[in-house]
Every structure is written in structure tokens, then in C-alpha cells.
Amino acid sequence: MDFSSENEIDAIASAAVSNLLPAKSRPQYEKTYLQFRQWCSMKKIDQVTENVLLAYLEEKSTTLKPPTLWALYAMLKG
């Protein structure tokens, strides 16, 4: 499959995600992802890796409890 632009890839990914998440959970997943992307932007991170995700969760661990961190991890990883 040949994609002509990053926007096209984003649109396809968004459509796929919107079909996977239950309507009831979707707003929380989207909010969590937006917060993560804002953090990445603030840190000038272009490519998300496992280490980036771990650094984000480590920073969040100063204010959140372990069960909440696991929930964030599951939302971002999934």
C-alpha cells in the first residue's frame, strides 16, 4: 500500500482507532493521547519509542499512583 502523505496515514489511523475503541471509553483515550503528544511536543520529541513512553510515565509517577500509571500505559500502548 502506497501512502501519498503523512496526513493520509493519520486519517487512516484515526479511522481505525475510532472503530476499535468503545464509544464510552473513546474520550478518555483521546484525552490521554493528546496529553502525551503535548508532552512530546514540549520535550521536542518527534519519534515515540518505548524509552519515550517510559520517560513520560516516570515523570507522571511523581503525581500519580501505580494503578493510574498502568491505565495510562495501557491506553498509550494499545
N, C-alpha and C. Protein backbone atom coordinates (compact mmCIF):
# COMPACT_ATOMS: atom_id res chain seq x y z
N MET A 1 0.85 -1.17 0.00
CA MET A 1 0.00 0.00 0.00
C MET A 1 0.89 1.23 0.00
N ASP A 2 0.61 2.17 -0.89
CA ASP A 2 1.42 3.38 -1.03
C ASP A 2 0.64 4.57 -0.49
N PHE A 3 1.21 5.27 0.50
CA PHE A 3 0.56 6.43 1.10
C PHE A 3 1.20 7.68 0.54
N SER A 4 0.38 8.63 0.12
CA SER A 4 0.91 9.84 -0.50
C SER A 4 1.34 10.89 0.50
N SER A 5 0.84 10.82 1.71
CA SER A 5 1.23 11.84 2.68
C SER A 5 1.03 11.35 4.10
N GLU A 6 1.69 12.05 5.01
CA GLU A 6 1.54 11.73 6.43
C GLU A 6 0.10 11.99 6.88
N ASN A 7 -0.55 12.99 6.30
CA ASN A 7 -1.95 13.29 6.66
C ASN A 7 -2.86 12.12 6.29
N GLU A 8 -2.58 11.49 5.16
CA GLU A 8 -3.38 10.35 4.76
C GLU A 8 -3.20 9.20 5.75
N ILE A 9 -1.98 8.98 6.19
CA ILE A 9 -1.69 7.94 7.18
C ILE A 9 -2.42 8.26 8.48
N ASP A 10 -2.37 9.53 8.90
CA ASP A 10 -3.07 9.93 10.13
C ASP A 10 -4.57 9.70 10.01
N ALA A 11 -5.13 10.00 8.86
CA ALA A 11 -6.58 9.81 8.65
C ALA A 11 -6.95 8.34 8.72
N ILE A 12 -6.15 7.50 8.11
CA ILE A 12 -6.42 6.06 8.14
C ILE A 12 -6.29 5.53 9.56
N ALA A 13 -5.25 5.96 10.27
CA ALA A 13 -5.06 5.53 11.66
C ALA A 13 -6.21 5.99 12.54
N SER A 14 -6.65 7.23 12.35
CA SER A 14 -7.77 7.75 13.14
C SER A 14 -9.04 6.94 12.90
N ALA A 15 -9.29 6.60 11.65
CA ALA A 15 -10.46 5.79 11.32
C ALA A 15 -10.37 4.42 11.98
N ALA A 16 -9.19 3.83 11.95
CA ALA A 16 -9.00 2.52 12.58
C ALA A 16 -9.24 2.59 14.08
N VAL A 17 -8.69 3.62 14.71
CA VAL A 17 -8.83 3.78 16.16
C VAL A 17 -10.29 4.02 16.52
N SER A 18 -10.97 4.84 15.74
CA SER A 18 -12.37 5.14 16.07
C SER A 18 -13.24 3.89 15.99
N ASN A 19 -12.83 2.91 15.21
CA ASN A 19 -13.59 1.66 15.12
C ASN A 19 -13.21 0.67 16.21
N LEU A 20 -12.06 0.84 16.84
CA LEU A 20 -11.59 -0.10 17.85
C LEU A 20 -12.05 0.23 19.26
N LEU A 21 -12.14 1.50 19.57
CA LEU A 21 -12.46 1.90 20.93
C LEU A 21 -13.96 1.99 21.16
N PRO A 22 -14.41 1.49 22.30
CA PRO A 22 -15.83 1.66 22.63
C PRO A 22 -16.16 3.15 22.77
N ALA A 23 -17.33 3.54 22.34
CA ALA A 23 -17.74 4.95 22.37
C ALA A 23 -17.62 5.54 23.77
N LYS A 24 -17.91 4.73 24.77
CA LYS A 24 -17.87 5.20 26.15
C LYS A 24 -16.45 5.53 26.61
N SER A 25 -15.46 4.78 26.14
CA SER A 25 -14.06 4.96 26.55
C SER A 25 -13.28 5.92 25.66
N ARG A 26 -13.75 6.16 24.47
CA ARG A 26 -13.02 6.94 23.48
C ARG A 26 -12.56 8.30 23.99
N PRO A 27 -13.42 9.10 24.65
CA PRO A 27 -12.95 10.42 25.11
C PRO A 27 -11.75 10.34 26.06
N GLN A 28 -11.72 9.36 26.95
CA GLN A 28 -10.61 9.23 27.89
C GLN A 28 -9.32 8.83 27.16
N TYR A 29 -9.43 7.92 26.21
CA TYR A 29 -8.26 7.53 25.43
C TYR A 29 -7.72 8.71 24.63
N GLU A 30 -8.61 9.47 24.02
CA GLU A 30 -8.19 10.61 23.22
C GLU A 30 -7.55 11.69 24.09
N LYS A 31 -8.10 11.93 25.26
CA LYS A 31 -7.54 12.91 26.19
C LYS A 31 -6.14 12.47 26.63
N THR A 32 -5.99 11.22 26.97
CA THR A 32 -4.70 10.68 27.41
C THR A 32 -3.67 10.80 26.30
N TYR A 33 -4.06 10.44 25.09
CA TYR A 33 -3.13 10.52 23.96
C TYR A 33 -2.76 11.97 23.66
N LEU A 34 -3.72 12.88 23.72
CA LEU A 34 -3.44 14.30 23.48
C LEU A 34 -2.46 14.84 24.51
N GLN A 35 -2.65 14.49 25.77
CA GLN A 35 -1.72 14.93 26.81
C GLN A 35 -0.31 14.39 26.56
N PHE A 36 -0.22 13.14 26.13
CA PHE A 36 1.08 12.54 25.82
C PHE A 36 1.73 13.26 24.65
N ARG A 37 0.97 13.52 23.60
CA ARG A 37 1.52 14.21 22.42
C ARG A 37 1.95 15.63 22.77
N GLN A 38 1.21 16.30 23.64
CA GLN A 38 1.61 17.63 24.08
C GLN A 38 2.92 17.58 24.86
N TRP A 39 3.07 16.57 25.69
CA TRP A 39 4.31 16.38 26.44
C TRP A 39 5.46 16.14 25.46
N CYS A 40 5.22 15.29 24.46
CA CYS A 40 6.26 15.03 23.45
C CYS A 40 6.63 16.31 22.72
N SER A 41 5.65 17.10 22.38
CA SER A 41 5.90 18.36 21.70
C SER A 41 6.72 19.30 22.58
N MET A 42 6.37 19.38 23.84
CA MET A 42 7.08 20.23 24.78
C MET A 42 8.54 19.80 24.93
N LYS A 43 8.77 18.49 24.87
CA LYS A 43 10.12 17.93 25.01
C LYS A 43 10.84 17.84 23.67
N LYS A 44 10.16 18.29 22.60
CA LYS A 44 10.71 18.25 21.24
C LYS A 44 11.05 16.82 20.79
N ILE A 45 10.13 15.93 21.06
CA ILE A 45 10.28 14.52 20.68
C ILE A 45 9.43 14.27 19.44
N ASP A 46 10.09 13.81 18.38
CA ASP A 46 9.38 13.54 17.12
C ASP A 46 9.00 12.08 16.97
N GLN A 47 9.84 11.20 17.46
CA GLN A 47 9.60 9.78 17.30
C GLN A 47 9.33 9.14 18.66
N VAL A 48 8.19 8.48 18.77
CA VAL A 48 7.82 7.83 20.02
C VAL A 48 8.42 6.43 20.05
N THR A 49 9.16 6.17 21.10
CA THR A 49 9.75 4.85 21.32
C THR A 49 9.33 4.35 22.69
N GLU A 50 9.70 3.13 22.99
CA GLU A 50 9.41 2.57 24.31
C GLU A 50 10.08 3.42 25.40
N ASN A 51 11.30 3.89 25.14
CA ASN A 51 12.00 4.73 26.12
C ASN A 51 11.29 6.06 26.35
N VAL A 52 10.73 6.62 25.29
CA VAL A 52 9.98 7.88 25.43
C VAL A 52 8.76 7.63 26.31
N LEU A 53 8.05 6.56 26.05
CA LEU A 53 6.87 6.23 26.85
C LEU A 53 7.25 6.00 28.31
N LEU A 54 8.34 5.31 28.54
CA LEU A 54 8.79 5.07 29.92
C LEU A 54 9.19 6.37 30.61
N ALA A 55 9.84 7.26 29.89
CA ALA A 55 10.22 8.56 30.46
C ALA A 55 8.97 9.36 30.83
N TYR A 56 7.97 9.32 29.99
CA TYR A 56 6.71 10.01 30.26
C TYR A 56 6.05 9.46 31.53
N LEU A 57 5.99 8.14 31.61
CA LEU A 57 5.37 7.52 32.78
C LEU A 57 6.19 7.78 34.05
N GLU A 58 7.50 7.80 33.93
CA GLU A 58 8.36 8.11 35.08
C GLU A 58 8.06 9.51 35.59
N GLU A 59 7.92 10.45 34.67
CA GLU A 59 7.59 11.82 35.07
C GLU A 59 6.21 11.88 35.73
N LYS A 60 5.27 11.15 35.18
CA LYS A 60 3.92 11.12 35.75
C LYS A 60 3.88 10.44 37.12
N SER A 61 4.85 9.57 37.38
CA SER A 61 4.84 8.80 38.63
C SER A 61 5.02 9.68 39.86
N THR A 62 5.46 10.92 39.66
CA THR A 62 5.60 11.82 40.82
C THR A 62 4.25 12.30 41.33
N THR A 63 3.22 12.22 40.48
CA THR A 63 1.90 12.72 40.89
C THR A 63 0.80 11.67 40.82
N LEU A 64 1.07 10.53 40.18
CA LEU A 64 0.03 9.51 40.02
C LEU A 64 0.41 8.22 40.74
N LYS A 65 -0.61 7.48 41.14
CA LYS A 65 -0.40 6.20 41.81
C LYS A 65 -0.19 5.09 40.77
N PRO A 66 0.46 4.00 41.18
CA PRO A 66 0.74 2.91 40.23
C PRO A 66 -0.45 2.40 39.41
N PRO A 67 -1.63 2.22 40.00
CA PRO A 67 -2.75 1.74 39.15
C PRO A 67 -3.09 2.72 38.03
N THR A 68 -2.99 4.01 38.31
CA THR A 68 -3.27 5.01 37.29
C THR A 68 -2.19 4.99 36.21
N LEU A 69 -0.94 4.78 36.62
CA LEU A 69 0.14 4.68 35.65
C LEU A 69 -0.06 3.47 34.72
N TRP A 70 -0.50 2.36 35.30
CA TRP A 70 -0.78 1.18 34.47
C TRP A 70 -1.89 1.46 33.47
N ALA A 71 -2.91 2.18 33.90
CA ALA A 71 -4.01 2.54 33.00
C ALA A 71 -3.51 3.43 31.87
N LEU A 72 -2.67 4.42 32.20
CA LEU A 72 -2.09 5.30 31.17
C LEU A 72 -1.27 4.47 30.18
N TYR A 73 -0.44 3.59 30.71
CA TYR A 73 0.38 2.73 29.87
C TYR A 73 -0.49 1.91 28.91
N ALA A 74 -1.54 1.33 29.43
CA ALA A 74 -2.42 0.50 28.60
C ALA A 74 -3.10 1.34 27.51
N MET A 75 -3.50 2.55 27.86
CA MET A 75 -4.17 3.41 26.87
C MET A 75 -3.20 3.85 25.78
N LEU A 76 -1.97 4.16 26.16
CA LEU A 76 -0.99 4.65 25.19
C LEU A 76 -0.37 3.52 24.38
N LYS A 77 -0.18 2.40 24.99
CA LYS A 77 0.47 1.26 24.33
C LYS A 77 -0.50 0.57 23.37
N GLY A 78 -1.75 0.51 23.76
CA GLY A 78 -2.74 -0.22 22.98
C GLY A 78 -3.17 0.42 21.78
